[in-house]
Amino acid sequence: MEIFDEKDEEVKRLMLRISRKEITLCDSCDTFFDYIPRKISCDGCMKAKARERRQRPEVKERMREYQQRPEVKAKRREYMRGRYHRLKKLREEE
């Protein structure tokens, strides 16, 4: 495989690493990140997309409905109660 005839050594090294599948280019922000098969966006862009998705009204409504389910509320209460007692025990040991 022939690498482009570039004068700049940095560009040559980057192109070589891309051809070896060591790094790849983000589709959104054009930054380089470690190659992972089928991954097209860097972690920063993935987090931004997820944040935007969570702010959509239909997603917010679905999350609110899920949080109002009795089994979810019971699970959250159980977790918080256990956390309270663990922290209380730690405070008493000090």
Protein backbone atom coordinates (compact mmCIF):
# COMPACT_ATOMS: atom_id res chain seq x y z
CA MET A 1 0.00 0.00 0.00
CA GLU A 2 1.46 3.32 -1.06
CA ILE A 3 1.33 6.28 1.29
CA PHE A 4 0.82 9.73 -0.21
CA ASP A 5 4.00 11.50 -1.25
CA GLU A 6 3.80 14.25 1.34
CA LYS A 7 6.70 16.42 2.38
CA ASP A 8 5.52 16.76 5.95
CA GLU A 9 6.72 13.85 8.12
CA GLU A 10 3.88 14.30 10.61
CA VAL A 11 1.28 13.79 7.88
CA LYS A 12 3.14 10.71 6.64
CA ARG A 13 3.18 9.23 10.13
CA LEU A 14 -0.53 9.93 10.61
CA MET A 15 -1.42 8.38 7.26
CA LEU A 16 0.71 5.33 8.07
CA ARG A 17 -1.04 4.88 11.43
CA ILE A 18 -4.44 5.23 9.77
CA SER A 19 -3.53 2.64 7.13
CA ARG A 20 -2.37 0.25 9.88
CA LYS A 21 -5.68 0.84 11.67
CA GLU A 22 -4.04 2.19 14.81
CA ILE A 23 -6.02 5.44 14.76
CA THR A 24 -9.06 6.80 12.94
CA LEU A 25 -10.72 10.17 12.33
CA CYS A 26 -13.89 11.31 14.09
CA ASP A 27 -16.75 12.03 11.68
CA SER A 28 -18.07 14.94 13.75
CA CYS A 29 -15.11 16.94 15.00
CA ASP A 30 -12.21 15.68 12.84
CA THR A 31 -9.98 14.60 15.70
CA PHE A 32 -7.97 11.39 15.83
CA PHE A 33 -8.74 8.61 18.29
CA ASP A 34 -7.70 4.97 18.77
CA TYR A 35 -9.17 2.63 16.19
CA ILE A 36 -12.08 0.49 17.32
CA PRO A 37 -14.03 -1.43 14.65
CA ARG A 38 -17.35 0.21 13.71
CA LYS A 39 -16.72 3.21 15.97
CA ILE A 40 -17.04 6.42 13.95
CA SER A 41 -17.13 9.15 16.62
CA CYS A 42 -14.78 10.03 19.47
CA ASP A 43 -15.89 9.78 23.12
CA GLY A 44 -16.53 13.53 23.40
CA CYS A 45 -18.88 13.54 20.41
CA MET A 46 -20.64 10.40 21.66
CA LYS A 47 -21.28 12.07 25.04
CA ALA A 48 -22.56 15.23 23.34
CA LYS A 49 -24.94 13.20 21.15
CA ALA A 50 -26.23 11.28 24.17
CA ARG A 51 -26.73 14.54 26.09
CA GLU A 52 -28.71 16.01 23.17
CA ARG A 53 -30.78 12.83 22.89
CA ARG A 54 -31.68 12.95 26.60
CA GLN A 55 -32.93 16.54 26.21
CA ARG A 56 -35.53 15.64 23.56
CA PRO A 57 -39.11 15.98 24.92
CA GLU A 58 -40.17 12.46 23.91
CA VAL A 59 -37.15 10.90 25.62
CA LYS A 60 -37.67 13.00 28.76
CA GLU A 61 -41.29 11.87 28.92
CA ARG A 62 -40.34 8.20 28.49
CA MET A 63 -37.68 8.50 31.25
CA ARG A 64 -40.17 10.22 33.59
CA GLU A 65 -42.74 7.48 33.00
CA TYR A 66 -40.12 4.82 33.73
CA GLN A 67 -39.03 6.52 36.96
CA GLN A 68 -42.65 6.60 38.16
CA ARG A 69 -43.09 2.80 37.98
CA PRO A 70 -43.66 1.23 41.43
CA GLU A 71 -40.93 -1.40 40.98
CA VAL A 72 -38.38 1.27 40.01
CA LYS A 73 -39.35 3.44 42.98
CA ALA A 74 -39.05 0.46 45.33
CA LYS A 75 -35.63 -0.42 43.97
CA ARG A 76 -34.44 3.19 44.39
CA ARG A 77 -35.77 3.31 47.98
CA GLU A 78 -34.01 0.04 48.80
CA TYR A 79 -30.73 1.35 47.35
CA MET A 80 -30.97 4.66 49.24
CA ARG A 81 -31.85 2.93 52.51
CA GLY A 82 -28.86 0.57 52.21
CA ARG A 83 -26.61 3.53 51.35
CA TYR A 84 -27.89 5.46 54.37
CA HIS A 85 -27.13 2.56 56.71
CA ARG A 86 -23.67 1.95 55.22
CA LEU A 87 -22.74 5.61 55.66
CA LYS A 88 -24.21 5.67 59.17
CA LYS A 89 -22.12 2.64 60.11
CA LEU A 90 -18.98 4.28 58.71
CA ARG A 91 -19.64 7.46 60.68
CA GLU A 92 -20.14 5.47 63.88
CA GLU A 93 -16.81 3.66 63.36
CA GLU A 94 -14.89 6.94 63.17
